């Protein structure tokens, strides 16, 4: 049963990635609100599904708390704007 759940979460991760890439590629044809916010929402959903994939035997709350903390950690890290970290963020991998 856990392997089936992992497969479902992996599929959901892939779907979120596809939708996220599509929202970036076709952002000009989306309504302004969606074009601006869809990528962040899809990324957060992908992080949640990633934690569900990794913690399939744990309770739902664990994945929710960890994905919340991870997402906020990423957002707070973006407040740091040193030149060296911005150069990394300007690369494909760092974006």
Protein backbone atom coordinates (compact mmCIF):
# COMPACT_ATOMS: atom_id res chain seq x y z
CA UNK A 1 0.00 0.00 0.00
CA UNK A 2 2.82 2.41 0.81
CA UNK A 3 4.41 1.78 -2.58
CA UNK A 4 1.14 2.70 -4.29
CA UNK A 5 0.99 5.92 -2.26
CA UNK A 6 4.59 6.73 -3.18
CA UNK A 7 3.76 6.19 -6.84
CA UNK A 8 0.79 8.52 -6.60
CA UNK A 9 2.85 11.23 -4.88
CA UNK A 10 5.62 10.85 -7.46
CA UNK A 11 3.06 11.27 -10.23
CA UNK A 12 1.68 14.36 -8.51
CA UNK A 13 5.21 15.80 -8.23
CA UNK A 14 5.74 15.30 -11.96
CA UNK A 15 2.36 16.88 -12.73
CA UNK A 16 3.20 19.92 -10.59
CA UNK A 17 6.52 20.29 -12.42
CA UNK A 18 4.82 20.08 -15.81
CA UNK A 19 2.14 22.60 -14.81
CA UNK A 20 4.80 24.90 -13.33
CA UNK A 21 6.86 24.86 -16.51
CA UNK A 22 3.72 25.38 -18.58
CA UNK A 23 2.70 28.35 -16.44
CA UNK A 24 6.10 29.95 -17.07
CA UNK A 25 6.09 29.22 -20.79
CA UNK A 26 2.51 30.43 -21.29
CA UNK A 27 2.33 33.11 -18.62
CA UNK A 28 1.45 35.82 -21.12
CA UNK A 29 -1.76 34.01 -22.08
CA UNK A 30 -2.89 33.52 -18.47
CA UNK A 31 -4.86 36.03 -16.42
CA UNK A 32 -2.50 38.38 -14.56
CA UNK A 33 -3.21 36.88 -11.12
CA UNK A 34 -2.50 33.34 -12.34
CA UNK A 35 0.57 34.38 -14.29
CA UNK A 36 1.99 36.03 -11.20
CA UNK A 37 1.09 33.42 -8.57
CA UNK A 38 0.62 30.02 -10.23
CA UNK A 39 4.31 29.14 -10.15
CA UNK A 40 4.60 29.74 -6.40
CA UNK A 41 1.45 27.76 -5.63
CA UNK A 42 2.54 24.86 -7.83
CA UNK A 43 6.02 24.90 -6.28
CA UNK A 44 4.54 24.79 -2.77
CA UNK A 45 2.27 21.90 -3.80
CA UNK A 46 5.26 20.06 -5.25
CA UNK A 47 7.19 20.53 -1.99
CA UNK A 48 4.22 19.14 -0.04
CA UNK A 49 3.91 16.12 -2.34
CA UNK A 50 7.67 15.62 -2.07
CA UNK A 51 7.44 15.41 1.72
CA UNK A 52 4.45 13.07 1.43
CA UNK A 53 6.54 10.92 -0.91
CA UNK A 54 9.45 10.84 1.55
CA UNK A 55 7.30 10.45 4.67
CA UNK A 56 4.61 8.12 3.37
CA UNK A 57 4.45 6.23 6.67
CA UNK A 58 4.20 9.38 8.79
CA UNK A 59 1.07 11.33 9.59
CA UNK A 60 -0.26 13.99 7.26
CA UNK A 61 0.61 16.67 9.80
CA UNK A 62 4.34 15.90 9.57
CA UNK A 63 4.41 16.56 5.82
CA UNK A 64 2.32 19.70 6.24
CA UNK A 65 4.57 21.15 8.95
CA UNK A 66 7.80 20.25 7.13
CA UNK A 67 6.62 21.63 3.78
CA UNK A 68 5.46 24.81 5.54
CA UNK A 69 8.81 25.24 7.31
CA UNK A 70 10.78 24.41 4.14
CA UNK A 71 8.78 26.89 2.04
CA UNK A 72 9.10 29.65 4.61
CA UNK A 73 12.80 28.89 4.97
CA UNK A 74 13.29 29.38 1.25
CA UNK A 75 11.31 32.64 1.29
CA UNK A 76 13.23 34.00 4.28
CA UNK A 77 16.54 33.01 2.68
CA UNK A 78 15.66 35.29 -0.23
CA UNK A 79 15.81 38.26 2.13
CA UNK A 80 19.59 37.78 2.17
CA UNK A 81 20.90 39.64 -0.88
CA UNK A 82 24.71 39.35 -0.88
CA UNK A 83 26.43 39.48 -4.28
CA UNK A 84 27.77 35.92 -4.09
CA UNK A 85 24.36 34.38 -3.35
CA UNK A 86 22.66 36.48 -6.03
CA UNK A 87 25.21 35.23 -8.58
CA UNK A 88 24.25 31.67 -7.64
CA UNK A 89 20.56 32.53 -7.89
CA UNK A 90 21.18 33.88 -11.41
CA UNK A 91 22.25 30.43 -12.63
CA UNK A 92 19.84 27.82 -13.96
CA UNK A 93 20.41 25.53 -10.99
CA UNK A 94 20.26 28.37 -8.46
CA UNK A 95 17.03 29.80 -9.80
